[in-house]
């Protein structure tokens, strides 16, 4: 869901698959203290989950110059 949303809106992102890379898993645990996905980080703000945080995702992306003119 997150990848599709970002791609549809031209938002660059980096995907880190914690199931295939132990270093990414360690990074996730250091960031949030546990295994939970998805984790979205926008301008340093950590959001646990995507759909439940859609309003905040949109707000942060608008502040970053994305989603101009979209609700």
C-alpha atoms as a PDB file:
ATOM      1  CA  UNK A   1       0.000   0.000   0.000  1.00  0.00           C
ATOM      2  CA  UNK A   2       2.729   2.490   0.970  1.00  0.00           C
ATOM      3  CA  UNK A   3       4.935   1.679  -2.037  1.00  0.00           C
ATOM      4  CA  UNK A   4       2.020   2.063  -4.433  1.00  0.00           C
ATOM      5  CA  UNK A   5       0.953   5.361  -2.840  1.00  0.00           C
ATOM      6  CA  UNK A   6       4.458   6.832  -3.026  1.00  0.00           C
ATOM      7  CA  UNK A   7       4.944   5.663  -6.628  1.00  0.00           C
ATOM      8  CA  UNK A   8       1.570   7.061  -7.738  1.00  0.00           C
ATOM      9  CA  UNK A   9       2.435  10.450  -6.247  1.00  0.00           C
ATOM     10  CA  UNK A  10       6.042  10.618  -7.431  1.00  0.00           C
ATOM     11  CA  UNK A  11       7.457  10.444  -3.913  1.00  0.00           C
ATOM     12  CA  UNK A  12      10.954   8.952  -3.802  1.00  0.00           C
ATOM     13  CA  UNK A  13      11.426   6.305  -1.147  1.00  0.00           C
ATOM     14  CA  UNK A  14      13.847   3.646  -0.001  1.00  0.00           C
ATOM     15  CA  UNK A  15      12.501   0.208   0.789  1.00  0.00           C
ATOM     16  CA  UNK A  16      14.364  -1.787   3.415  1.00  0.00           C
ATOM     17  CA  UNK A  17      13.228  -5.411   3.543  1.00  0.00           C
ATOM     18  CA  UNK A  18      13.886  -6.568   7.097  1.00  0.00           C
ATOM     19  CA  UNK A  19      13.045 -10.165   6.184  1.00  0.00           C
ATOM     20  CA  UNK A  20      16.040 -10.480   3.870  1.00  0.00           C
ATOM     21  CA  UNK A  21      18.632  -8.211   5.493  1.00  0.00           C
ATOM     22  CA  UNK A  22      19.720  -8.603   9.103  1.00  0.00           C
ATOM     23  CA  UNK A  23      21.262  -5.117   9.181  1.00  0.00           C
ATOM     24  CA  UNK A  24      17.872  -3.628   8.274  1.00  0.00           C
ATOM     25  CA  UNK A  25      16.248  -5.666  11.049  1.00  0.00           C
ATOM     26  CA  UNK A  26      18.790  -4.298  13.533  1.00  0.00           C
ATOM     27  CA  UNK A  27      18.106  -0.770  12.257  1.00  0.00           C
ATOM     28  CA  UNK A  28      14.361  -1.282  12.719  1.00  0.00           C
ATOM     29  CA  UNK A  29      14.793  -2.560  16.270  1.00  0.00           C
ATOM     30  CA  UNK A  30      17.056   0.392  17.130  1.00  0.00           C
ATOM     31  CA  UNK A  31      14.543   2.805  15.634  1.00  0.00           C
ATOM     32  CA  UNK A  32      11.329   1.517  17.229  1.00  0.00           C
ATOM     33  CA  UNK A  33      12.492  -1.050  19.757  1.00  0.00           C
ATOM     34  CA  UNK A  34      10.612  -3.983  18.244  1.00  0.00           C
ATOM     35  CA  UNK A  35       9.663  -5.780  15.067  1.00  0.00           C
ATOM     36  CA  UNK A  36       6.713  -4.046  13.446  1.00  0.00           C
ATOM     37  CA  UNK A  37       6.071  -3.275   9.808  1.00  0.00           C
ATOM     38  CA  UNK A  38       5.543  -1.148   7.952  1.00  0.00           C
ATOM     39  CA  UNK A  39       7.509   1.670   9.484  1.00  0.00           C
ATOM     40  CA  UNK A  40       7.526   4.886   7.486  1.00  0.00           C
ATOM     41  CA  UNK A  41      10.051   7.619   8.228  1.00  0.00           C
ATOM     42  CA  UNK A  42       9.404  11.036   6.693  1.00  0.00           C
ATOM     43  CA  UNK A  43      11.797  13.874   7.508  1.00  0.00           C
ATOM     44  CA  UNK A  44      12.890  12.035  10.631  1.00  0.00           C
ATOM     45  CA  UNK A  45       9.361  11.412  11.922  1.00  0.00           C
ATOM     46  CA  UNK A  46       8.723   7.730  12.587  1.00  0.00           C
ATOM     47  CA  UNK A  47       5.238   6.435  11.786  1.00  0.00           C
ATOM     48  CA  UNK A  48       4.257   2.921  12.826  1.00  0.00           C
ATOM     49  CA  UNK A  49       1.952   1.638  10.135  1.00  0.00           C
ATOM     50  CA  UNK A  50       0.836   3.358   6.965  1.00  0.00           C
ATOM     51  CA  UNK A  51      -2.943   3.331   6.529  1.00  0.00           C
ATOM     52  CA  UNK A  52      -3.617   4.325  10.120  1.00  0.00           C
ATOM     53  CA  UNK A  53      -1.282   7.308   9.686  1.00  0.00           C
ATOM     54  CA  UNK A  54      -2.471   8.427   6.249  1.00  0.00           C
ATOM     55  CA  UNK A  55      -3.513  11.909   7.410  1.00  0.00           C
ATOM     56  CA  UNK A  56      -0.067  12.517   8.929  1.00  0.00           C
ATOM     57  CA  UNK A  57       1.688  11.036   5.880  1.00  0.00           C
ATOM     58  CA  UNK A  58      -0.220  13.421   3.621  1.00  0.00           C
ATOM     59  CA  UNK A  59       0.535  16.370   5.913  1.00  0.00           C
ATOM     60  CA  UNK A  60       4.265  15.631   5.989  1.00  0.00           C
ATOM     61  CA  UNK A  61       4.415  15.102   2.239  1.00  0.00           C
ATOM     62  CA  UNK A  62       2.600  18.392   1.605  1.00  0.00           C
ATOM     63  CA  UNK A  63       5.116  20.145   3.872  1.00  0.00           C
ATOM     64  CA  UNK A  64       7.877  18.539   1.805  1.00  0.00           C
ATOM     65  CA  UNK A  65       6.449  19.852  -1.461  1.00  0.00           C
ATOM     66  CA  UNK A  66       4.599  16.724  -2.527  1.00  0.00           C
ATOM     67  CA  UNK A  67       0.838  16.302  -3.011  1.00  0.00           C
ATOM     68  CA  UNK A  68       0.337  19.969  -3.884  1.00  0.00           C
ATOM     69  CA  UNK A  69      -3.345  20.619  -4.461  1.00  0.00           C
ATOM     70  CA  UNK A  70      -4.451  17.228  -3.136  1.00  0.00           C
ATOM     71  CA  UNK A  71      -6.642  16.774  -0.074  1.00  0.00           C
END
